[in-house]
Amino acid sequence: WPPTRKLFLLLIFVSIPIALIFWFSAPYLLLYLFPK
């Protein structure tokens, strides 16, 4: 339980900045790579 709980919380914590980076970069990815 201790390592499982730590990993559960750590993954959520680490995922937040990844999601934020994609949120702000998505318009540019679509515009230049997949305009359709």
PDB file of all heavy atoms in Angstrom:
ATOM      1  N   TRP A   1       0.798  -1.222   0.000  1.00  0.00           N
ATOM      2  CA  TRP A   1       0.000   0.000   0.000  1.00  0.00           C
ATOM      3  C   TRP A   1       0.840   1.285   0.000  1.00  0.00           C
ATOM      4  O   TRP A   1       0.563   2.191  -0.802  1.00  0.00           O
ATOM      5  CB  TRP A   1      -0.964  -0.004   1.189  1.00  0.00           C
ATOM      6  CG  TRP A   1      -1.728   1.286   1.351  1.00  0.00           C
ATOM      7  CD1 TRP A   1      -1.746   2.093   2.439  1.00  0.00           C
ATOM      8  CD2 TRP A   1      -2.560   1.915   0.378  1.00  0.00           C
ATOM      9  NE1 TRP A   1      -2.539   3.184   2.221  1.00  0.00           N
ATOM     10  CE2 TRP A   1      -3.056   3.107   0.954  1.00  0.00           C
ATOM     11  CE3 TRP A   1      -2.935   1.600  -0.919  1.00  0.00           C
ATOM     12  CZ2 TRP A   1      -3.902   3.980   0.288  1.00  0.00           C
ATOM     13  CZ3 TRP A   1      -3.789   2.466  -1.605  1.00  0.00           C
ATOM     14  CH2 TRP A   1      -4.262   3.635  -1.004  1.00  0.00           C
ATOM     15  N   PRO A   2       1.876   1.424   0.821  1.00  0.00           N
ATOM     16  CA  PRO A   2       2.647   2.684   0.806  1.00  0.00           C
ATOM     17  C   PRO A   2       3.239   3.026  -0.567  1.00  0.00           C
ATOM     18  O   PRO A   2       3.045   4.147  -1.056  1.00  0.00           O
ATOM     19  CB  PRO A   2       3.724   2.454   1.864  1.00  0.00           C
ATOM     20  CG  PRO A   2       3.111   1.478   2.806  1.00  0.00           C
ATOM     21  CD  PRO A   2       2.312   0.547   1.932  1.00  0.00           C
ATOM     22  N   PRO A   3       3.969   2.086  -1.245  1.00  0.00           N
ATOM     23  CA  PRO A   3       4.498   2.447  -2.569  1.00  0.00           C
ATOM     24  C   PRO A   3       3.400   2.658  -3.609  1.00  0.00           C
ATOM     25  O   PRO A   3       3.546   3.501  -4.509  1.00  0.00           O
ATOM     26  CB  PRO A   3       5.394   1.262  -2.941  1.00  0.00           C
ATOM     27  CG  PRO A   3       4.906   0.122  -2.117  1.00  0.00           C
ATOM     28  CD  PRO A   3       4.425   0.734  -0.842  1.00  0.00           C
ATOM     29  N   THR A   4       2.292   1.905  -3.496  1.00  0.00           N
ATOM     30  CA  THR A   4       1.188   2.068  -4.450  1.00  0.00           C
ATOM     31  C   THR A   4       0.545   3.432  -4.285  1.00  0.00           C
ATOM     32  O   THR A   4       0.252   4.123  -5.275  1.00  0.00           O
ATOM     33  CB  THR A   4       0.139   0.960  -4.256  1.00  0.00           C
ATOM     34  OG1 THR A   4       0.753  -0.320  -4.432  1.00  0.00           O
ATOM     35  CG2 THR A   4      -1.000   1.114  -5.245  1.00  0.00           C
ATOM     36  N   ARG A   5       0.309   3.841  -3.059  1.00  0.00           N
ATOM     37  CA  ARG A   5      -0.287   5.148  -2.788  1.00  0.00           C
ATOM     38  C   ARG A   5       0.621   6.272  -3.282  1.00  0.00           C
ATOM     39  O   ARG A   5       0.147   7.249  -3.896  1.00  0.00           O
ATOM     40  CB  ARG A   5      -0.530   5.296  -1.282  1.00  0.00           C
ATOM     41  CG  ARG A   5      -1.142   6.638  -0.878  1.00  0.00           C
ATOM     42  CD  ARG A   5      -1.395   6.663   0.629  1.00  0.00           C
ATOM     43  NE  ARG A   5      -1.929   7.961   1.038  1.00  0.00           N
ATOM     44  CZ  ARG A   5      -1.183   9.015   1.347  1.00  0.00           C
ATOM     45  NH1 ARG A   5       0.151   8.910   1.291  1.00  0.00           N
ATOM     46  NH2 ARG A   5      -1.735  10.159   1.709  1.00  0.00           N
ATOM     47  N   LYS A   6       1.922   6.144  -3.036  1.00  0.00           N
ATOM     48  CA  LYS A   6       2.859   7.172  -3.483  1.00  0.00           C
ATOM     49  C   LYS A   6       2.870   7.297  -5.004  1.00  0.00           C
ATOM     50  O   LYS A   6       2.877   8.402  -5.545  1.00  0.00           O
ATOM     51  CB  LYS A   6       4.266   6.858  -2.966  1.00  0.00           C
ATOM     52  CG  LYS A   6       4.434   7.051  -1.465  1.00  0.00           C
ATOM     53  CD  LYS A   6       5.845   6.680  -1.026  1.00  0.00           C
ATOM     54  CE  LYS A   6       5.999   6.819   0.485  1.00  0.00           C
ATOM     55  NZ  LYS A   6       7.361   6.405   0.940  1.00  0.00           N
ATOM     56  N   LEU A   7       2.869   6.150  -5.686  1.00  0.00           N
ATOM     57  CA  LEU A   7       2.889   6.182  -7.143  1.00  0.00           C
ATOM     58  C   LEU A   7       1.589   6.766  -7.685  1.00  0.00           C
ATOM     59  O   LEU A   7       1.593   7.537  -8.660  1.00  0.00           O
ATOM     60  CB  LEU A   7       3.100   4.774  -7.705  1.00  0.00           C
ATOM     61  CG  LEU A   7       3.146   4.669  -9.229  1.00  0.00           C
ATOM     62  CD1 LEU A   7       4.294   5.501  -9.793  1.00  0.00           C
ATOM     63  CD2 LEU A   7       3.285   3.222  -9.678  1.00  0.00           C
ATOM     64  N   PHE A   8       0.471   6.419  -7.078  1.00  0.00           N
ATOM     65  CA  PHE A   8      -0.838   6.944  -7.491  1.00  0.00           C
ATOM     66  C   PHE A   8      -0.829   8.472  -7.463  1.00  0.00           C
ATOM     67  O   PHE A   8      -1.205   9.138  -8.433  1.00  0.00           O
ATOM     68  CB  PHE A   8      -1.915   6.393  -6.549  1.00  0.00           C
ATOM     69  CG  PHE A   8      -3.312   6.856  -6.872  1.00  0.00           C
ATOM     70  CD1 PHE A   8      -4.139   6.088  -7.679  1.00  0.00           C
ATOM     71  CD2 PHE A   8      -3.801   8.056  -6.370  1.00  0.00           C
ATOM     72  CE1 PHE A   8      -5.432   6.508  -7.975  1.00  0.00           C
ATOM     73  CE2 PHE A   8      -5.090   8.486  -6.657  1.00  0.00           C
ATOM     74  CZ  PHE A   8      -5.903   7.711  -7.468  1.00  0.00           C
ATOM     75  N   LEU A   9      -0.389   9.034  -6.359  1.00  0.00           N
ATOM     76  CA  LEU A   9      -0.376  10.490  -6.203  1.00  0.00           C
ATOM     77  C   LEU A   9       0.702  11.134  -7.079  1.00  0.00           C
ATOM     78  O   LEU A   9       0.494  12.209  -7.649  1.00  0.00           O
ATOM     79  CB  LEU A   9      -0.156  10.854  -4.733  1.00  0.00           C
ATOM     80  CG  LEU A   9      -1.250  10.363  -3.765  1.00  0.00           C
ATOM     81  CD1 LEU A   9      -0.859  10.661  -2.326  1.00  0.00           C
ATOM     82  CD2 LEU A   9      -2.586  11.013  -4.098  1.00  0.00           C
ATOM     83  N   LEU A  10       1.859  10.461  -7.186  1.00  0.00           N
ATOM     84  CA  LEU A  10       2.952  11.016  -7.987  1.00  0.00           C
ATOM     85  C   LEU A  10       2.564  11.125  -9.455  1.00  0.00           C
ATOM     86  O   LEU A  10       2.874  12.128 -10.124  1.00  0.00           O
ATOM     87  CB  LEU A  10       4.204  10.142  -7.835  1.00  0.00           C
ATOM     88  CG  LEU A  10       5.435  10.578  -8.632  1.00  0.00           C
ATOM     89  CD1 LEU A  10       5.923  11.943  -8.153  1.00  0.00           C
ATOM     90  CD2 LEU A  10       6.552   9.546  -8.513  1.00  0.00           C
ATOM     91  N   LEU A  11       1.870  10.116  -9.971  1.00  0.00           N
ATOM     92  CA  LEU A  11       1.479  10.126 -11.379  1.00  0.00           C
ATOM     93  C   LEU A  11       0.511  11.269 -11.684  1.00  0.00           C
ATOM     94  O   LEU A  11       0.622  11.923 -12.721  1.00  0.00           O
ATOM     95  CB  LEU A  11       0.849   8.785 -11.756  1.00  0.00           C
ATOM     96  CG  LEU A  11       1.826   7.630 -11.956  1.00  0.00           C
ATOM     97  CD1 LEU A  11       1.077   6.326 -12.121  1.00  0.00           C
ATOM     98  CD2 LEU A  11       2.714   7.882 -13.163  1.00  0.00           C
ATOM     99  N   ILE A  12      -0.422  11.499 -10.778  1.00  0.00           N
ATOM    100  CA  ILE A  12      -1.344  12.625 -10.971  1.00  0.00           C
ATOM    101  C   ILE A  12      -0.573  13.940 -10.947  1.00  0.00           C
ATOM    102  O   ILE A  12      -0.794  14.825 -11.777  1.00  0.00           O
ATOM    103  CB  ILE A  12      -2.443  12.605  -9.895  1.00  0.00           C
ATOM    104  CG1 ILE A  12      -3.362  11.389 -10.110  1.00  0.00           C
ATOM    105  CG2 ILE A  12      -3.258  13.901  -9.909  1.00  0.00           C
ATOM    106  CD1 ILE A  12      -4.469  11.255  -9.082  1.00  0.00           C
ATOM    107  N   PHE A  13       0.358  14.060 -10.006  1.00  0.00           N
ATOM    108  CA  PHE A  13       1.148  15.283  -9.866  1.00  0.00           C
ATOM    109  C   PHE A  13       2.001  15.539 -11.114  1.00  0.00           C
ATOM    110  O   PHE A  13       2.064  16.660 -11.629  1.00  0.00           O
ATOM    111  CB  PHE A  13       2.040  15.166  -8.622  1.00  0.00           C
ATOM    112  CG  PHE A  13       2.974  16.325  -8.425  1.00  0.00           C
ATOM    113  CD1 PHE A  13       2.509  17.538  -7.930  1.00  0.00           C
ATOM    114  CD2 PHE A  13       4.322  16.200  -8.738  1.00  0.00           C
ATOM    115  CE1 PHE A  13       3.377  18.601  -7.751  1.00  0.00           C
ATOM    116  CE2 PHE A  13       5.189  17.263  -8.559  1.00  0.00           C
ATOM    117  CZ  PHE A  13       4.717  18.467  -8.062  1.00  0.00           C
ATOM    118  N   VAL A  14       2.639  14.484 -11.620  1.00  0.00           N
ATOM    119  CA  VAL A  14       3.509  14.624 -12.794  1.00  0.00           C
ATOM    120  C   VAL A  14       2.690  14.855 -14.063  1.00  0.00           C
ATOM    121  O   VAL A  14       3.144  15.541 -14.990  1.00  0.00           O
ATOM    122  CB  VAL A  14       4.393  13.363 -12.945  1.00  0.00           C
ATOM    123  CG1 VAL A  14       5.149  13.381 -14.264  1.00  0.00           C
ATOM    124  CG2 VAL A  14       5.366  13.265 -11.778  1.00  0.00           C
ATOM    125  N   SER A  15       1.486  14.307 -14.125  1.00  0.00           N
ATOM    126  CA  SER A  15       0.659  14.427 -15.328  1.00  0.00           C
ATOM    127  C   SER A  15       0.139  15.845 -15.550  1.00  0.00           C
ATOM    128  O   SER A  15      -0.137  16.239 -16.689  1.00  0.00           O
ATOM    129  CB  SER A  15      -0.541  13.461 -15.233  1.00  0.00           C
ATOM    130  OG  SER A  15      -0.113  12.132 -15.120  1.00  0.00           O
ATOM    131  N   ILE A  16      -0.005  16.620 -14.475  1.00  0.00           N
ATOM    132  CA  ILE A  16      -0.581  17.968 -14.591  1.00  0.00           C
ATOM    133  C   ILE A  16       0.246  18.874 -15.507  1.00  0.00           C
ATOM    134  O   ILE A  16      -0.305  19.476 -16.445  1.00  0.00           O
ATOM    135  CB  ILE A  16      -0.772  18.596 -13.199  1.00  0.00           C
ATOM    136  CG1 ILE A  16      -1.868  17.837 -12.440  1.00  0.00           C
ATOM    137  CG2 ILE A  16      -1.142  20.082 -13.317  1.00  0.00           C
ATOM    138  CD1 ILE A  16      -2.039  18.282 -10.999  1.00  0.00           C
ATOM    139  N   PRO A  17       1.577  19.003 -15.306  1.00  0.00           N
ATOM    140  CA  PRO A  17       2.338  19.872 -16.223  1.00  0.00           C
ATOM    141  C   PRO A  17       2.350  19.365 -17.664  1.00  0.00           C
ATOM    142  O   PRO A  17       2.375  20.162 -18.606  1.00  0.00           O
ATOM    143  CB  PRO A  17       3.748  19.884 -15.617  1.00  0.00           C
ATOM    144  CG  PRO A  17       3.812  18.705 -14.715  1.00  0.00           C
ATOM    145  CD  PRO A  17       2.427  18.506 -14.208  1.00  0.00           C
ATOM    146  N   ILE A  18       2.329  18.031 -17.854  1.00  0.00           N
ATOM    147  CA  ILE A  18       2.295  17.480 -19.212  1.00  0.00           C
ATOM    148  C   ILE A  18       1.000  17.901 -19.908  1.00  0.00           C
ATOM    149  O   ILE A  18       0.995  18.319 -21.071  1.00  0.00           O
ATOM    150  CB  ILE A  18       2.409  15.943 -19.174  1.00  0.00           C
ATOM    151  CG1 ILE A  18       3.752  15.526 -18.584  1.00  0.00           C
ATOM    152  CG2 ILE A  18       2.232  15.357 -20.571  1.00  0.00           C
ATOM    153  CD1 ILE A  18       3.904  14.023 -18.412  1.00  0.00           C
ATOM    154  N   ALA A  19      -0.121  17.805 -19.169  1.00  0.00           N
ATOM    155  CA  ALA A  19      -1.415  18.195 -19.727  1.00  0.00           C
ATOM    156  C   ALA A  19      -1.455  19.685 -20.035  1.00  0.00           C
ATOM    157  O   ALA A  19      -1.987  20.111 -21.068  1.00  0.00           O
ATOM    158  CB  ALA A  19      -2.526  17.833 -18.748  1.00  0.00           C
ATOM    159  N   LEU A  20      -0.855  20.508 -19.166  1.00  0.00           N
ATOM    160  CA  LEU A  20      -0.840  21.957 -19.383  1.00  0.00           C
ATOM    161  C   LEU A  20      -0.024  22.329 -20.620  1.00  0.00           C
ATOM    162  O   LEU A  20      -0.423  23.191 -21.415  1.00  0.00           O
ATOM    163  CB  LEU A  20      -0.281  22.665 -18.148  1.00  0.00           C
ATOM    164  CG  LEU A  20      -1.201  22.716 -16.912  1.00  0.00           C
ATOM    165  CD1 LEU A  20      -0.463  23.316 -15.725  1.00  0.00           C
ATOM    166  CD2 LEU A  20      -2.459  23.514 -17.233  1.00  0.00           C
ATOM    167  N   ILE A  21       1.115  21.682 -20.775  1.00  0.00           N
ATOM    168  CA  ILE A  21       1.967  21.954 -21.948  1.00  0.00           C
ATOM    169  C   ILE A  21       1.205  21.633 -23.227  1.00  0.00           C
ATOM    170  O   ILE A  21       1.210  22.415 -24.195  1.00  0.00           O
ATOM    171  CB  ILE A  21       3.271  21.135 -21.864  1.00  0.00           C
ATOM    172  CG1 ILE A  21       4.147  21.658 -20.727  1.00  0.00           C
ATOM    173  CG2 ILE A  21       4.027  21.188 -23.192  1.00  0.00           C
ATOM    174  CD1 ILE A  21       5.362  20.798 -20.448  1.00  0.00           C
ATOM    175  N   PHE A  22       0.524  20.491 -23.234  1.00  0.00           N
ATOM    176  CA  PHE A  22      -0.217  20.126 -24.436  1.00  0.00           C
ATOM    177  C   PHE A  22      -1.398  21.055 -24.659  1.00  0.00           C
ATOM    178  O   PHE A  22      -1.724  21.396 -25.792  1.00  0.00           O
ATOM    179  CB  PHE A  22      -0.702  18.675 -24.345  1.00  0.00           C
ATOM    180  CG  PHE A  22      -1.375  18.210 -25.598  1.00  0.00           C
ATOM    181  CD1 PHE A  22      -0.617  17.741 -26.657  1.00  0.00           C
ATOM    182  CD2 PHE A  22      -2.746  18.283 -25.746  1.00  0.00           C
ATOM    183  CE1 PHE A  22      -1.222  17.337 -27.837  1.00  0.00           C
ATOM    184  CE2 PHE A  22      -3.367  17.896 -26.920  1.00  0.00           C
ATOM    185  CZ  PHE A  22      -2.602  17.415 -27.969  1.00  0.00           C
ATOM    186  N   TRP A  23      -2.080  21.475 -23.585  1.00  0.00           N
ATOM    187  CA  TRP A  23      -3.240  22.361 -23.692  1.00  0.00           C
ATOM    188  C   TRP A  23      -2.880  23.636 -24.462  1.00  0.00           C
ATOM    189  O   TRP A  23      -3.622  24.071 -25.347  1.00  0.00           O
ATOM    190  CB  TRP A  23      -3.744  22.716 -22.294  1.00  0.00           C
ATOM    191  CG  TRP A  23      -4.953  23.616 -22.294  1.00  0.00           C
ATOM    192  CD1 TRP A  23      -4.958  24.973 -22.462  1.00  0.00           C
ATOM    193  CD2 TRP A  23      -6.319  23.218 -22.131  1.00  0.00           C
ATOM    194  NE1 TRP A  23      -6.244  25.468 -22.401  1.00  0.00           N
ATOM    195  CE2 TRP A  23      -7.102  24.403 -22.202  1.00  0.00           C
ATOM    196  CE3 TRP A  23      -6.963  22.005 -21.920  1.00  0.00           C
ATOM    197  CZ2 TRP A  23      -8.483  24.400 -22.075  1.00  0.00           C
ATOM    198  CZ3 TRP A  23      -8.332  21.993 -21.787  1.00  0.00           C
ATOM    199  CH2 TRP A  23      -9.089  23.171 -21.871  1.00  0.00           C
ATOM    200  N   PHE A  24      -1.719  24.208 -24.138  1.00  0.00           N
ATOM    201  CA  PHE A  24      -1.338  25.477 -24.764  1.00  0.00           C
ATOM    202  C   PHE A  24      -0.652  25.297 -26.126  1.00  0.00           C
ATOM    203  O   PHE A  24      -0.647  26.208 -26.947  1.00  0.00           O
ATOM    204  CB  PHE A  24      -0.423  26.273 -23.825  1.00  0.00           C
ATOM    205  CG  PHE A  24      -1.132  26.792 -22.614  1.00  0.00           C
ATOM    206  CD1 PHE A  24      -0.902  26.232 -21.362  1.00  0.00           C
ATOM    207  CD2 PHE A  24      -2.054  27.822 -22.714  1.00  0.00           C
ATOM    208  CE1 PHE A  24      -1.568  26.702 -20.232  1.00  0.00           C
ATOM    209  CE2 PHE A  24      -2.731  28.300 -21.591  1.00  0.00           C
ATOM    210  CZ  PHE A  24      -2.485  27.738 -20.351  1.00  0.00           C
ATOM    211  N   SER A  25      -0.086  24.109 -26.367  1.00  0.00           N
ATOM    212  CA  SER A  25       0.609  23.884 -27.639  1.00  0.00           C
ATOM    213  C   SER A  25      -0.291  23.266 -28.706  1.00  0.00           C
ATOM    214  O   SER A  25       0.046  23.293 -29.894  1.00  0.00           O
ATOM    215  CB  SER A  25       1.823  22.972 -27.427  1.00  0.00           C
ATOM    216  OG  SER A  25       1.424  21.691 -26.959  1.00  0.00           O
ATOM    217  N   ALA A  26      -1.450  22.718 -28.299  1.00  0.00           N
ATOM    218  CA  ALA A  26      -2.346  22.033 -29.240  1.00  0.00           C
ATOM    219  C   ALA A  26      -2.750  22.890 -30.446  1.00  0.00           C
ATOM    220  O   ALA A  26      -2.751  22.395 -31.578  1.00  0.00           O
ATOM    221  CB  ALA A  26      -3.582  21.529 -28.507  1.00  0.00           C
ATOM    222  N   PRO A  27      -3.115  24.171 -30.276  1.00  0.00           N
ATOM    223  CA  PRO A  27      -3.506  24.982 -31.448  1.00  0.00           C
ATOM    224  C   PRO A  27      -2.403  25.071 -32.503  1.00  0.00           C
ATOM    225  O   PRO A  27      -2.678  25.034 -33.707  1.00  0.00           O
ATOM    226  CB  PRO A  27      -3.804  26.352 -30.841  1.00  0.00           C
ATOM    227  CG  PRO A  27      -4.128  26.081 -29.414  1.00  0.00           C
ATOM    228  CD  PRO A  27      -3.263  24.930 -29.024  1.00  0.00           C
ATOM    229  N   TYR A  28      -1.169  25.175 -32.052  1.00  0.00           N
ATOM    230  CA  TYR A  28      -0.052  25.288 -32.993  1.00  0.00           C
ATOM    231  C   TYR A  28       0.233  23.959 -33.681  1.00  0.00           C
ATOM    232  O   TYR A  28       0.581  23.922 -34.872  1.00  0.00           O
ATOM    233  CB  TYR A  28       1.197  25.789 -32.252  1.00  0.00           C
ATOM    234  CG  TYR A  28       0.975  27.102 -31.538  1.00  0.00           C
ATOM    235  CD1 TYR A  28       0.699  27.122 -30.165  1.00  0.00           C
ATOM    236  CD2 TYR A  28       0.990  28.309 -32.229  1.00  0.00           C
ATOM    237  CE1 TYR A  28       0.474  28.326 -29.498  1.00  0.00           C
ATOM    238  CE2 TYR A  28       0.765  29.514 -31.578  1.00  0.00           C
ATOM    239  CZ  TYR A  28       0.507  29.510 -30.216  1.00  0.00           C
ATOM    240  OH  TYR A  28       0.273  30.697 -29.575  1.00  0.00           O
ATOM    241  N   LEU A  29       0.068  22.866 -32.952  1.00  0.00           N
ATOM    242  CA  LEU A  29       0.261  21.540 -33.548  1.00  0.00           C
ATOM    243  C   LEU A  29      -0.743  21.303 -34.671  1.00  0.00           C
ATOM    244  O   LEU A  29      -0.395  20.809 -35.754  1.00  0.00           O
ATOM    245  CB  LEU A  29       0.117  20.454 -32.482  1.00  0.00           C
ATOM    246  CG  LEU A  29       1.207  20.388 -31.407  1.00  0.00           C
ATOM    247  CD1 LEU A  29       0.834  19.373 -30.332  1.00  0.00           C
ATOM    248  CD2 LEU A  29       2.546  20.022 -32.020  1.00  0.00           C
ATOM    249  N   LEU A  30      -1.989  21.664 -34.411  1.00  0.00           N
ATOM    250  CA  LEU A  30      -3.029  21.485 -35.429  1.00  0.00           C
ATOM    251  C   LEU A  30      -2.811  22.417 -36.611  1.00  0.00           C
ATOM    252  O   LEU A  30      -2.972  22.017 -37.770  1.00  0.00           O
ATOM    253  CB  LEU A  30      -4.411  21.725 -34.817  1.00  0.00           C
ATOM    254  CG  LEU A  30      -4.964  20.610 -33.924  1.00  0.00           C
ATOM    255  CD1 LEU A  30      -6.300  21.032 -33.336  1.00  0.00           C
ATOM    256  CD2 LEU A  30      -5.131  19.312 -34.698  1.00  0.00           C
ATOM    257  N   LEU A  31      -2.458  23.641 -36.333  1.00  0.00           N
ATOM    258  CA  LEU A  31      -2.317  24.637 -37.396  1.00  0.00           C
ATOM    259  C   LEU A  31      -1.213  24.271 -38.375  1.00  0.00           C
ATOM    260  O   LEU A  31      -1.379  24.390 -39.594  1.00  0.00           O
ATOM    261  CB  LEU A  31      -2.053  26.014 -36.781  1.00  0.00           C
ATOM    262  CG  LEU A  31      -1.863  27.176 -37.771  1.00  0.00           C
ATOM    263  CD1 LEU A  31      -3.134  27.370 -38.601  1.00  0.00           C
ATOM    264  CD2 LEU A  31      -1.487  28.440 -37.027  1.00  0.00           C
ATOM    265  N   TYR A  32      -0.085  23.809 -37.854  1.00  0.00           N
ATOM    266  CA  TYR A  32       1.080  23.582 -38.711  1.00  0.00           C
ATOM    267  C   TYR A  32       1.231  22.134 -39.181  1.00  0.00           C
ATOM    268  O   TYR A  32       1.869  21.878 -40.209  1.00  0.00           O
ATOM    269  CB  TYR A  32       2.359  24.007 -37.977  1.00  0.00           C
ATOM    270  CG  TYR A  32       2.425  25.498 -37.740  1.00  0.00           C
ATOM    271  CD1 TYR A  32       2.246  26.025 -36.466  1.00  0.00           C
ATOM    272  CD2 TYR A  32       2.649  26.386 -38.792  1.00  0.00           C
ATOM    273  CE1 TYR A  32       2.290  27.401 -36.239  1.00  0.00           C
ATOM    274  CE2 TYR A  32       2.698  27.756 -38.580  1.00  0.00           C
ATOM    275  CZ  TYR A  32       2.516  28.255 -37.300  1.00  0.00           C
ATOM    276  OH  TYR A  32       2.564  29.606 -37.104  1.00  0.00           O
ATOM    277  N   LEU A  33       0.670  21.182 -38.425  1.00  0.00           N
ATOM    278  CA  LEU A  33       0.846  19.777 -38.801  1.00  0.00           C
ATOM    279  C   LEU A  33      -0.431  19.142 -39.343  1.00  0.00           C
ATOM    280  O   LEU A  33      -0.376  18.363 -40.291  1.00  0.00           O
ATOM    281  CB  LEU A  33       1.341  18.974 -37.586  1.00  0.00           C
ATOM    282  CG  LEU A  33       2.720  19.367 -37.034  1.00  0.00           C
ATOM    283  CD1 LEU A  33       3.057  18.507 -35.820  1.00  0.00           C
ATOM    284  CD2 LEU A  33       3.795  19.227 -38.089  1.00  0.00           C
ATOM    285  N   PHE A  34      -1.574  19.457 -38.753  1.00  0.00           N
ATOM    286  CA  PHE A  34      -2.827  18.818 -39.148  1.00  0.00           C
ATOM    287  C   PHE A  34      -3.930  19.861 -39.319  1.00  0.00           C
ATOM    288  O   PHE A  34      -4.914  19.866 -38.551  1.00  0.00           O
ATOM    289  CB  PHE A  34      -3.240  17.768 -38.114  1.00  0.00           C
ATOM    290  CG  PHE A  34      -2.169  16.773 -37.789  1.00  0.00           C
ATOM    291  CD1 PHE A  34      -1.445  16.871 -36.610  1.00  0.00           C
ATOM    292  CD2 PHE A  34      -1.867  15.749 -38.663  1.00  0.00           C
ATOM    293  CE1 PHE A  34      -0.448  15.955 -36.308  1.00  0.00           C
ATOM    294  CE2 PHE A  34      -0.874  14.824 -38.374  1.00  0.00           C
ATOM    295  CZ  PHE A  34      -0.163  14.933 -37.198  1.00  0.00           C
ATOM    296  N   PRO A  35      -3.796  20.760 -40.279  1.00  0.00           N
ATOM    297  CA  PRO A  35      -4.776  21.853 -40.433  1.00  0.00           C
ATOM    298  C   PRO A  35      -6.188  21.366 -40.765  1.00  0.00           C
ATOM    299  O   PRO A  35      -7.141  22.102 -40.553  1.00  0.00           O
ATOM    300  CB  PRO A  35      -4.191  22.688 -41.580  1.00  0.00           C
ATOM    301  CG  PRO A  35      -3.276  21.754 -42.322  1.00  0.00           C
ATOM    302  CD  PRO A  35      -2.714  20.838 -41.282  1.00  0.00           C
ATOM    303  N   LYS A  36      -6.317  20.153 -41.296  1.00  0.00           N
ATOM    304  CA  LYS A  36      -7.641  19.634 -41.639  1.00  0.00           C
ATOM    305  C   LYS A  36      -8.446  19.222 -40.402  1.00  0.00           C
ATOM    306  O   LYS A  36      -9.630  18.920 -40.505  1.00  0.00           O
ATOM    307  CB  LYS A  36      -7.517  18.433 -42.577  1.00  0.00           C
ATOM    308  CG  LYS A  36      -6.894  18.763 -43.937  1.00  0.00           C
ATOM    309  CD  LYS A  36      -6.799  17.525 -44.797  1.00  0.00           C
ATOM    310  CE  LYS A  36      -6.157  17.821 -46.154  1.00  0.00           C
ATOM    311  NZ  LYS A  36      -6.042  16.608 -46.991  1.00  0.00           N
TER     312      LYS A  36
END
